[in-house]
Amino acid sequence: RDHVDIHSVFKRQAGALNHDYARKWLRDFEEVLADSTFIAEYER
């Protein structure tokens, strides 16, 4: 359900997002959780 919800957030906020901020934290989570898909999914 959380992954479905992301679409509505992007749809409403796409032009106003701080991408550098999001990438920084997603990069940290990729390392900690050993999951290299977060940034790729964000960019998609």
All heavy atoms as atom14 arrays in JSON, in Angstrom:
{
  "sequence": "RDHVDIHSVFKRQAGALNHDYARKWLRDFEEVLADSTFIAEYER",
  "atom14_mask": [
    [1, 1, 1, 1, 1, 1, 1, 1, 1, 1, 1, 0, 0, 0],
    [1, 1, 1, 1, 1, 1, 1, 1, 0, 0, 0, 0, 0, 0],
    [1, 1, 1, 1, 1, 1, 1, 1, 1, 1, 0, 0, 0, 0],
    [1, 1, 1, 1, 1, 1, 1, 0, 0, 0, 0, 0, 0, 0],
    [1, 1, 1, 1, 1, 1, 1, 1, 0, 0, 0, 0, 0, 0],
    [1, 1, 1, 1, 1, 1, 1, 1, 0, 0, 0, 0, 0, 0],
    [1, 1, 1, 1, 1, 1, 1, 1, 1, 1, 0, 0, 0, 0],
    [1, 1, 1, 1, 1, 1, 0, 0, 0, 0, 0, 0, 0, 0],
    [1, 1, 1, 1, 1, 1, 1, 0, 0, 0, 0, 0, 0, 0],
    [1, 1, 1, 1, 1, 1, 1, 1, 1, 1, 1, 0, 0, 0],
    [1, 1, 1, 1, 1, 1, 1, 1, 1, 0, 0, 0, 0, 0],
    [1, 1, 1, 1, 1, 1, 1, 1, 1, 1, 1, 0, 0, 0],
    [1, 1, 1, 1, 1, 1, 1, 1, 1, 0, 0, 0, 0, 0],
    [1, 1, 1, 1, 1, 0, 0, 0, 0, 0, 0, 0, 0, 0],
    [1, 1, 1, 1, 0, 0, 0, 0, 0, 0, 0, 0, 0, 0],
    [1, 1, 1, 1, 1, 0, 0, 0, 0, 0, 0, 0, 0, 0],
    [1, 1, 1, 1, 1, 1, 1, 1, 0, 0, 0, 0, 0, 0],
    [1, 1, 1, 1, 1, 1, 1, 1, 0, 0, 0, 0, 0, 0],
    [1, 1, 1, 1, 1, 1, 1, 1, 1, 1, 0, 0, 0, 0],
    [1, 1, 1, 1, 1, 1, 1, 1, 0, 0, 0, 0, 0, 0],
    [1, 1, 1, 1, 1, 1, 1, 1, 1, 1, 1, 1, 0, 0],
    [1, 1, 1, 1, 1, 0, 0, 0, 0, 0, 0, 0, 0, 0],
    [1, 1, 1, 1, 1, 1, 1, 1, 1, 1, 1, 0, 0, 0],
    [1, 1, 1, 1, 1, 1, 1, 1, 1, 0, 0, 0, 0, 0],
    [1, 1, 1, 1, 1, 1, 1, 1, 1, 1, 1, 1, 1, 1],
    [1, 1, 1, 1, 1, 1, 1, 1, 0, 0, 0, 0, 0, 0],
    [1, 1, 1, 1, 1, 1, 1, 1, 1, 1, 1, 0, 0, 0],
    [1, 1, 1, 1, 1, 1, 1, 1, 0, 0, 0, 0, 0, 0],
    [1, 1, 1, 1, 1, 1, 1, 1, 1, 1, 1, 0, 0, 0],
    [1, 1, 1, 1, 1, 1, 1, 1, 1, 0, 0, 0, 0, 0],
    [1, 1, 1, 1, 1, 1, 1, 1, 1, 0, 0, 0, 0, 0],
    [1, 1, 1, 1, 1, 1, 1, 0, 0, 0, 0, 0, 0, 0],
    [1, 1, 1, 1, 1, 1, 1, 1, 0, 0, 0, 0, 0, 0],
    [1, 1, 1, 1, 1, 0, 0, 0, 0, 0, 0, 0, 0, 0],
    [1, 1, 1, 1, 1, 1, 1, 1, 0, 0, 0, 0, 0, 0],
    [1, 1, 1, 1, 1, 1, 0, 0, 0, 0, 0, 0, 0, 0],
    [1, 1, 1, 1, 1, 1, 1, 0, 0, 0, 0, 0, 0, 0],
    [1, 1, 1, 1, 1, 1, 1, 1, 1, 1, 1, 0, 0, 0],
    [1, 1, 1, 1, 1, 1, 1, 1, 0, 0, 0, 0, 0, 0],
    [1, 1, 1, 1, 1, 0, 0, 0, 0, 0, 0, 0, 0, 0],
    [1, 1, 1, 1, 1, 1, 1, 1, 1, 0, 0, 0, 0, 0],
    [1, 1, 1, 1, 1, 1, 1, 1, 1, 1, 1, 1, 0, 0],
    [1, 1, 1, 1, 1, 1, 1, 1, 1, 0, 0, 0, 0, 0],
    [1, 1, 1, 1, 1, 1, 1, 1, 1, 1, 1, 0, 0, 0]
  ],
  "atom14_positions": [
    [[0.83, -1.21, 0.0], [0.0, 0.0, 0.0], [0.86, 1.26, 0.0], [0.53, 2.25, -0.64], [-0.94, 0.0, 1.22], [-1.79, 1.23, 1.34], [-2.72, 1.36, 0.17], [-3.19, 2.73, 0.09], [-3.99, 3.17, -0.83], [-4.44, 2.36, -1.77], [-4.36, 4.42, -0.85], [0.0, 0.0, 0.0], [0.0, 0.0, 0.0], [0.0, 0.0, 0.0]],
    [[1.99, 1.24, 0.73], [2.87, 2.4, 0.75], [3.44, 2.68, -0.63], [3.56, 3.83, -1.04], [4.01, 2.2, 1.76], [3.52, 2.34, 3.18], [2.62, 3.16, 3.43], [4.04, 1.62, 4.05], [0.0, 0.0, 0.0], [0.0, 0.0, 0.0], [0.0, 0.0, 0.0], [0.0, 0.0, 0.0], [0.0, 0.0, 0.0], [0.0, 0.0, 0.0]],
    [[3.76, 1.64, -1.37], [4.32, 1.83, -2.71], [3.26, 2.38, -3.67], [3.58, 3.14, -4.57], [4.96, 0.54, -3.2], [6.2, 0.21, -2.44], [7.45, 0.47, -2.92], [6.38, -0.29, -1.19], [8.35, 0.13, -2.02], [7.72, -0.33, -0.95], [0.0, 0.0, 0.0], [0.0, 0.0, 0.0], [0.0, 0.0, 0.0], [0.0, 0.0, 0.0]],
    [[2.01, 2.01, -3.45], [0.91, 2.57, -4.24], [0.73, 4.05, -3.9], [0.55, 4.89, -4.79], [-0.39, 1.77, -4.0], [-1.59, 2.47, -4.63], [-0.25, 0.35, -4.51], [0.0, 0.0, 0.0], [0.0, 0.0, 0.0], [0.0, 0.0, 0.0], [0.0, 0.0, 0.0], [0.0, 0.0, 0.0], [0.0, 0.0, 0.0], [0.0, 0.0, 0.0]],
    [[0.81, 4.38, -2.61], [0.62, 5.77, -2.16], [1.66, 6.73, -2.75], [1.37, 7.91, -2.96], [0.72, 5.86, -0.63], [-0.44, 5.22, 0.08], [-1.48, 4.97, -0.57], [-0.3, 4.97, 1.29], [0.0, 0.0, 0.0], [0.0, 0.0, 0.0], [0.0, 0.0, 0.0], [0.0, 0.0, 0.0], [0.0, 0.0, 0.0], [0.0, 0.0, 0.0]],
    [[2.85, 6.25, -3.0], [3.93, 7.11, -3.51], [3.5, 7.81, -4.81], [3.83, 8.97, -5.03], [5.22, 6.3, -3.76], [5.78, 5.8, -2.43], [6.26, 7.14, -4.49], [6.9, 4.79, -2.6], [0.0, 0.0, 0.0], [0.0, 0.0, 0.0], [0.0, 0.0, 0.0], [0.0, 0.0, 0.0], [0.0, 0.0, 0.0], [0.0, 0.0, 0.0]],
    [[2.74, 7.11, -5.62], [2.31, 7.7, -6.89], [1.49, 8.96, -6.68], [1.69, 9.96, -7.38], [1.52, 6.67, -7.71], [2.36, 5.55, -8.21], [3.02, 5.59, -9.41], [2.67, 4.36, -7.64], [3.7, 4.47, -9.58], [3.5, 3.71, -8.51], [0.0, 0.0, 0.0], [0.0, 0.0, 0.0], [0.0, 0.0, 0.0], [0.0, 0.0, 0.0]],
    [[0.6, 8.95, -5.7], [-0.22, 10.14, -5.47], [0.63, 11.29, -4.92], [0.37, 12.46, -5.25], [-1.4, 9.84, -4.54], [-0.95, 9.47, -3.26], [0.0, 0.0, 0.0], [0.0, 0.0, 0.0], [0.0, 0.0, 0.0], [0.0, 0.0, 0.0], [0.0, 0.0, 0.0], [0.0, 0.0, 0.0], [0.0, 0.0, 0.0], [0.0, 0.0, 0.0]],
    [[1.63, 10.98, -4.13], [2.5, 12.05, -3.61], [3.29, 12.67, -4.77], [3.36, 13.89, -4.91], [3.46, 11.52, -2.52], [4.38, 12.64, -2.03], [2.69, 10.91, -1.36], [0.0, 0.0, 0.0], [0.0, 0.0, 0.0], [0.0, 0.0, 0.0], [0.0, 0.0, 0.0], [0.0, 0.0, 0.0], [0.0, 0.0, 0.0], [0.0, 0.0, 0.0]],
    [[3.87, 11.83, -5.62], [4.6, 12.35, -6.78], [3.67, 13.14, -7.69], [4.05, 14.2, -8.2], [5.26, 11.22, -7.56], [6.7, 11.02, -7.22], [7.09, 10.02, -6.37], [7.68, 11.84, -7.76], [8.42, 9.83, -6.05], [9.02, 11.67, -7.44], [9.39, 10.66, -6.59], [0.0, 0.0, 0.0], [0.0, 0.0, 0.0], [0.0, 0.0, 0.0]],
    [[2.48, 12.65, -7.91], [1.55, 13.31, -8.82], [1.23, 14.72, -8.33], [1.18, 15.66, -9.11], [0.26, 12.49, -8.93], [-0.7, 12.99, -9.95], [-1.88, 12.04, -10.06], [-2.85, 12.52, -11.12], [-3.98, 11.61, -11.27], [0.0, 0.0, 0.0], [0.0, 0.0, 0.0], [0.0, 0.0, 0.0], [0.0, 0.0, 0.0], [0.0, 0.0, 0.0]],
    [[1.05, 14.88, -7.02], [0.68, 16.19, -6.46], [1.88, 17.1, -6.25], [1.76, 18.32, -6.31], [-0.03, 15.99, -5.14], [-1.38, 15.33, -5.28], [-2.01, 15.18, -3.93], [-2.4, 16.48, -3.45], [-3.6, 16.8, -3.05], [-4.54, 15.91, -3.05], [-3.86, 18.02, -2.62], [0.0, 0.0, 0.0], [0.0, 0.0, 0.0], [0.0, 0.0, 0.0]],
    [[3.06, 16.54, -5.98], [4.2, 17.35, -5.55], [5.39, 17.33, -6.51], [6.43, 17.91, -6.2], [4.69, 16.84, -4.18], [3.66, 16.89, -3.1], [3.33, 18.31, -2.69], [4.14, 19.21, -2.76], [2.1, 18.52, -2.23], [0.0, 0.0, 0.0], [0.0, 0.0, 0.0], [0.0, 0.0, 0.0], [0.0, 0.0, 0.0], [0.0, 0.0, 0.0]],
    [[5.27, 16.69, -7.65], [6.4, 16.43, -8.54], [7.31, 17.64, -8.77], [8.52, 17.53, -8.64], [5.91, 15.88, -9.88], [0.0, 0.0, 0.0], [0.0, 0.0, 0.0], [0.0, 0.0, 0.0], [0.0, 0.0, 0.0], [0.0, 0.0, 0.0], [0.0, 0.0, 0.0], [0.0, 0.0, 0.0], [0.0, 0.0, 0.0], [0.0, 0.0, 0.0]],
    [[6.76, 18.76, -9.06], [7.58, 19.92, -9.39], [8.18, 20.64, -8.19], [9.02, 21.52, -8.35], [0.0, 0.0, 0.0], [0.0, 0.0, 0.0], [0.0, 0.0, 0.0], [0.0, 0.0, 0.0], [0.0, 0.0, 0.0], [0.0, 0.0, 0.0], [0.0, 0.0, 0.0], [0.0, 0.0, 0.0], [0.0, 0.0, 0.0], [0.0, 0.0, 0.0]],
    [[7.78, 20.26, -6.99], [8.21, 20.98, -5.79], [9.15, 20.17, -4.89], [9.5, 20.63, -3.82], [6.99, 21.4, -4.99], [0.0, 0.0, 0.0], [0.0, 0.0, 0.0], [0.0, 0.0, 0.0], [0.0, 0.0, 0.0], [0.0, 0.0, 0.0], [0.0, 0.0, 0.0], [0.0, 0.0, 0.0], [0.0, 0.0, 0.0], [0.0, 0.0, 0.0]],
    [[9.56, 19.0, -5.33], [10.37, 18.13, -4.48], [11.85, 18.52, -4.48], [12.39, 18.94, -5.51], [10.25, 16.68, -4.94], [8.85, 16.07, -4.82], [8.81, 14.72, -5.51], [8.44, 15.97, -3.37], [0.0, 0.0, 0.0], [0.0, 0.0, 0.0], [0.0, 0.0, 0.0], [0.0, 0.0, 0.0], [0.0, 0.0, 0.0], [0.0, 0.0, 0.0]],
    [[12.49, 18.36, -3.34], [13.92, 18.58, -3.2], [14.61, 17.24, -3.47], [14.76, 16.41, -2.57], [14.24, 19.09, -1.8], [15.7, 19.37, -1.59], [16.56, 18.81, -2.26], [16.01, 20.21, -0.62], [0.0, 0.0, 0.0], [0.0, 0.0, 0.0], [0.0, 0.0, 0.0], [0.0, 0.0, 0.0], [0.0, 0.0, 0.0], [0.0, 0.0, 0.0]],
    [[15.01, 17.04, -4.72], [15.56, 15.75, -5.14], [16.9, 15.45, -4.49], [17.17, 14.29, -4.16], [15.67, 15.7, -6.66], [14.37, 15.95, -7.34], [13.27, 15.14, -7.17], [13.98, 16.94, -8.17], [12.26, 15.61, -7.88], [12.67, 16.7, -8.49], [0.0, 0.0, 0.0], [0.0, 0.0, 0.0], [0.0, 0.0, 0.0], [0.0, 0.0, 0.0]],
    [[17.74, 16.44, -4.3], [19.03, 16.21, -3.65], [18.84, 15.69, -2.23], [19.52, 14.77, -1.79], [19.88, 17.48, -3.64], [20.35, 17.88, -5.02], [20.43, 17.0, -5.9], [20.63, 19.08, -5.22], [0.0, 0.0, 0.0], [0.0, 0.0, 0.0], [0.0, 0.0, 0.0], [0.0, 0.0, 0.0], [0.0, 0.0, 0.0], [0.0, 0.0, 0.0]],
    [[17.92, 16.29, -1.5], [17.61, 15.85, -0.14], [17.14, 14.39, -0.14], [17.62, 13.56, 0.63], [16.54, 16.76, 0.47], [16.02, 16.27, 1.79], [16.7, 16.57, 2.97], [14.87, 15.5, 1.87], [16.23, 16.12, 4.2], [14.4, 15.03, 3.09], [15.09, 15.34, 4.24], [14.63, 14.87, 5.45], [0.0, 0.0, 0.0], [0.0, 0.0, 0.0]],
    [[16.19, 14.08, -1.01], [15.65, 12.72, -1.07], [16.73, 11.71, -1.44], [16.84, 10.65, -0.81], [14.49, 12.65, -2.07], [0.0, 0.0, 0.0], [0.0, 0.0, 0.0], [0.0, 0.0, 0.0], [0.0, 0.0, 0.0], [0.0, 0.0, 0.0], [0.0, 0.0, 0.0], [0.0, 0.0, 0.0], [0.0, 0.0, 0.0], [0.0, 0.0, 0.0]],
    [[17.54, 12.03, -2.44], [18.61, 11.11, -2.85], [19.61, 10.86, -1.73], [20.09, 9.74, -1.56], [19.34, 11.67, -4.07], [18.63, 11.4, -5.36], [19.54, 11.76, -6.54], [18.74, 12.41, -7.54], [18.69, 13.71, -7.77], [19.41, 14.56, -7.07], [17.92, 14.2, -8.71], [0.0, 0.0, 0.0], [0.0, 0.0, 0.0], [0.0, 0.0, 0.0]],
    [[19.94, 11.91, -0.96], [20.9, 11.76, 0.12], [20.41, 10.72, 1.12], [21.13, 9.8, 1.5], [21.13, 13.11, 0.82], [22.13, 13.06, 1.98], [21.4, 12.99, 3.31], [22.33, 13.04, 4.49], [22.48, 11.82, 5.23], [0.0, 0.0, 0.0], [0.0, 0.0, 0.0], [0.0, 0.0, 0.0], [0.0, 0.0, 0.0], [0.0, 0.0, 0.0]],
    [[19.16, 10.85, 1.56], [18.63, 9.91, 2.55], [18.41, 8.53, 1.94], [18.65, 7.51, 2.59], [17.36, 10.45, 3.18], [17.67, 11.49, 4.21], [17.5, 12.85, 4.09], [18.25, 11.28, 5.49], [17.92, 13.48, 5.23], [18.39, 12.54, 6.11], [18.67, 10.15, 6.19], [18.92, 12.7, 7.38], [19.19, 10.31, 7.47], [19.32, 11.57, 8.05]],
    [[17.96, 8.47, 0.71], [17.77, 7.16, 0.07], [19.09, 6.43, -0.1], [19.16, 5.21, 0.09], [17.06, 7.33, -1.28], [15.6, 7.76, -1.17], [15.05, 8.12, -2.54], [14.76, 6.67, -0.5], [0.0, 0.0, 0.0], [0.0, 0.0, 0.0], [0.0, 0.0, 0.0], [0.0, 0.0, 0.0], [0.0, 0.0, 0.0], [0.0, 0.0, 0.0]],
    [[20.15, 7.17, -0.41], [21.49, 6.57, -0.5], [21.89, 5.97, 0.85], [22.39, 4.85, 0.93], [22.5, 7.61, -0.96], [23.86, 7.07, -1.27], [24.8, 8.13, -1.86], [24.23, 8.8, -3.02], [23.76, 10.06, -3.05], [23.8, 10.81, -1.97], [23.26, 10.58, -4.14], [0.0, 0.0, 0.0], [0.0, 0.0, 0.0], [0.0, 0.0, 0.0]],
    [[21.63, 6.72, 1.92], [21.94, 6.22, 3.27], [21.15, 4.94, 3.57], [21.7, 3.97, 4.1], [21.62, 7.27, 4.33], [22.58, 8.44, 4.33], [23.61, 8.4, 3.6], [22.31, 9.41, 5.05], [0.0, 0.0, 0.0], [0.0, 0.0, 0.0], [0.0, 0.0, 0.0], [0.0, 0.0, 0.0], [0.0, 0.0, 0.0], [0.0, 0.0, 0.0]],
    [[19.86, 4.93, 3.22], [19.05, 3.74, 3.46], [19.48, 2.57, 2.58], [19.42, 1.42, 3.01], [17.56, 4.04, 3.27], [16.94, 4.7, 4.47], [16.5, 6.01, 4.4], [16.81, 4.02, 5.67], [15.94, 6.63, 5.51], [16.24, 4.63, 6.79], [15.81, 5.94, 6.71], [0.0, 0.0, 0.0], [0.0, 0.0, 0.0], [0.0, 0.0, 0.0]],
    [[19.91, 2.84, 1.36], [20.42, 1.76, 0.51], [21.59, 1.06, 1.18], [21.68, -0.17, 1.15], [20.84, 2.3, -0.86], [19.68, 2.59, -1.78], [20.11, 3.03, -3.16], [21.29, 3.41, -3.36], [19.26, 3.01, -4.07], [0.0, 0.0, 0.0], [0.0, 0.0, 0.0], [0.0, 0.0, 0.0], [0.0, 0.0, 0.0], [0.0, 0.0, 0.0]],
    [[22.47, 1.84, 1.79], [23.64, 1.26, 2.47], [23.23, 0.48, 3.71], [23.63, -0.66, 3.9], [24.63, 2.36, 2.84], [25.33, 2.97, 1.66], [26.26, 4.11, 2.06], [26.68, 4.16, 3.23], [26.56, 4.93, 1.18], [0.0, 0.0, 0.0], [0.0, 0.0, 0.0], [0.0, 0.0, 0.0], [0.0, 0.0, 0.0], [0.0, 0.0, 0.0]],
    [[22.42, 1.09, 4.56], [22.04, 0.47, 5.83], [21.19, -0.78, 5.61], [21.37, -1.79, 6.3], [21.29, 1.48, 6.72], [20.68, 0.82, 7.93], [22.21, 2.61, 7.14], [0.0, 0.0, 0.0], [0.0, 0.0, 0.0], [0.0, 0.0, 0.0], [0.0, 0.0, 0.0], [0.0, 0.0, 0.0], [0.0, 0.0, 0.0], [0.0, 0.0, 0.0]],
    [[20.29, -0.73, 4.64], [19.36, -1.84, 4.41], [19.84, -2.8, 3.32], [19.13, -3.75, 2.99], [17.97, -1.3, 4.07], [17.33, -0.42, 5.15], [16.02, 0.16, 4.65], [17.12, -1.23, 6.43], [0.0, 0.0, 0.0], [0.0, 0.0, 0.0], [0.0, 0.0, 0.0], [0.0, 0.0, 0.0], [0.0, 0.0, 0.0], [0.0, 0.0, 0.0]],
    [[21.01, -2.54, 2.76], [21.56, -3.37, 1.68], [20.54, -3.58, 0.56], [20.29, -4.69, 0.11], [22.05, -4.71, 2.23], [0.0, 0.0, 0.0], [0.0, 0.0, 0.0], [0.0, 0.0, 0.0], [0.0, 0.0, 0.0], [0.0, 0.0, 0.0], [0.0, 0.0, 0.0], [0.0, 0.0, 0.0], [0.0, 0.0, 0.0], [0.0, 0.0, 0.0]],
    [[19.96, -2.47, 0.13], [18.96, -2.5, -0.94], [19.29, -1.37, -1.9], [19.12, -0.19, -1.58], [17.56, -2.31, -0.36], [16.47, -2.43, -1.4], [16.73, -2.25, -2.6], [15.33, -2.7, -0.99], [0.0, 0.0, 0.0], [0.0, 0.0, 0.0], [0.0, 0.0, 0.0], [0.0, 0.0, 0.0], [0.0, 0.0, 0.0], [0.0, 0.0, 0.0]],
    [[19.75, -1.71, -3.07], [20.21, -0.69, -4.02], [19.11, -0.21, -4.95], [19.39, 0.4, -5.98], [21.38, -1.24, -4.84], [20.94, -2.35, -5.6], [0.0, 0.0, 0.0], [0.0, 0.0, 0.0], [0.0, 0.0, 0.0], [0.0, 0.0, 0.0], [0.0, 0.0, 0.0], [0.0, 0.0, 0.0], [0.0, 0.0, 0.0], [0.0, 0.0, 0.0]],
    [[17.86, -0.41, -4.6], [16.76, -0.06, -5.51], [16.08, 1.27, -5.2], [15.3, 1.76, -6.02], [15.68, -1.15, -5.49], [15.1, -1.22, -4.18], [16.25, -2.51, -5.89], [0.0, 0.0, 0.0], [0.0, 0.0, 0.0], [0.0, 0.0, 0.0], [0.0, 0.0, 0.0], [0.0, 0.0, 0.0], [0.0, 0.0, 0.0], [0.0, 0.0, 0.0]],
    [[16.34, 1.86, -4.05], [15.57, 3.02, -3.63], [15.75, 4.24, -4.55], [14.77, 4.86, -4.97], [15.91, 3.43, -2.19], [15.59, 2.37, -1.17], [16.47, 2.11, -0.15], [14.42, 1.64, -1.22], [16.19, 1.15, 0.82], [14.12, 0.67, -0.28], [15.01, 0.42, 0.75], [0.0, 0.0, 0.0], [0.0, 0.0, 0.0], [0.0, 0.0, 0.0]],
    [[16.98, 4.58, -4.86], [17.21, 5.75, -5.72], [16.69, 5.5, -7.13], [16.06, 6.38, -7.73], [18.69, 6.16, -5.73], [19.09, 6.66, -4.34], [18.96, 7.24, -6.79], [20.57, 6.96, -4.18], [0.0, 0.0, 0.0], [0.0, 0.0, 0.0], [0.0, 0.0, 0.0], [0.0, 0.0, 0.0], [0.0, 0.0, 0.0], [0.0, 0.0, 0.0]],
    [[16.91, 4.3, -7.64], [16.42, 3.98, -8.99], [14.9, 4.1, -9.06], [14.35, 4.63, -10.03], [16.88, 2.58, -9.39], [0.0, 0.0, 0.0], [0.0, 0.0, 0.0], [0.0, 0.0, 0.0], [0.0, 0.0, 0.0], [0.0, 0.0, 0.0], [0.0, 0.0, 0.0], [0.0, 0.0, 0.0], [0.0, 0.0, 0.0], [0.0, 0.0, 0.0]],
    [[14.21, 3.61, -8.04], [12.75, 3.7, -8.02], [12.3, 5.15, -7.89], [11.35, 5.59, -8.55], [12.18, 2.86, -6.88], [10.67, 2.9, -6.77], [9.93, 2.3, -7.95], [10.57, 1.75, -8.87], [8.7, 2.42, -7.99], [0.0, 0.0, 0.0], [0.0, 0.0, 0.0], [0.0, 0.0, 0.0], [0.0, 0.0, 0.0], [0.0, 0.0, 0.0]],
    [[12.98, 5.93, -7.07], [12.67, 7.35, -6.93], [12.81, 8.05, -8.28], [11.92, 8.8, -8.7], [13.61, 7.98, -5.89], [13.37, 9.46, -5.69], [12.46, 9.91, -4.74], [14.05, 10.41, -6.45], [12.23, 11.27, -4.55], [13.82, 11.77, -6.27], [12.92, 12.18, -5.32], [12.69, 13.53, -5.15], [0.0, 0.0, 0.0], [0.0, 0.0, 0.0]],
    [[13.91, 7.79, -8.97], [14.14, 8.45, -10.27], [13.15, 7.98, -11.33], [12.73, 8.76, -12.18], [15.58, 8.2, -10.73], [16.62, 8.86, -9.85], [16.52, 10.39, -9.79], [15.88, 11.02, -10.64], [17.11, 10.96, -8.84], [0.0, 0.0, 0.0], [0.0, 0.0, 0.0], [0.0, 0.0, 0.0], [0.0, 0.0, 0.0], [0.0, 0.0, 0.0]],
    [[12.74, 6.72, -11.26], [11.73, 6.21, -12.21], [10.41, 6.96, -12.01], [9.78, 7.42, -12.97], [11.53, 4.71, -12.01], [10.57, 4.09, -13.02], [10.29, 2.64, -12.69], [9.45, 2.49, -11.52], [8.12, 2.69, -11.49], [7.49, 3.07, -12.59], [7.44, 2.51, -10.39], [0.0, 0.0, 0.0], [0.0, 0.0, 0.0], [0.0, 0.0, 0.0]]
  ]
}
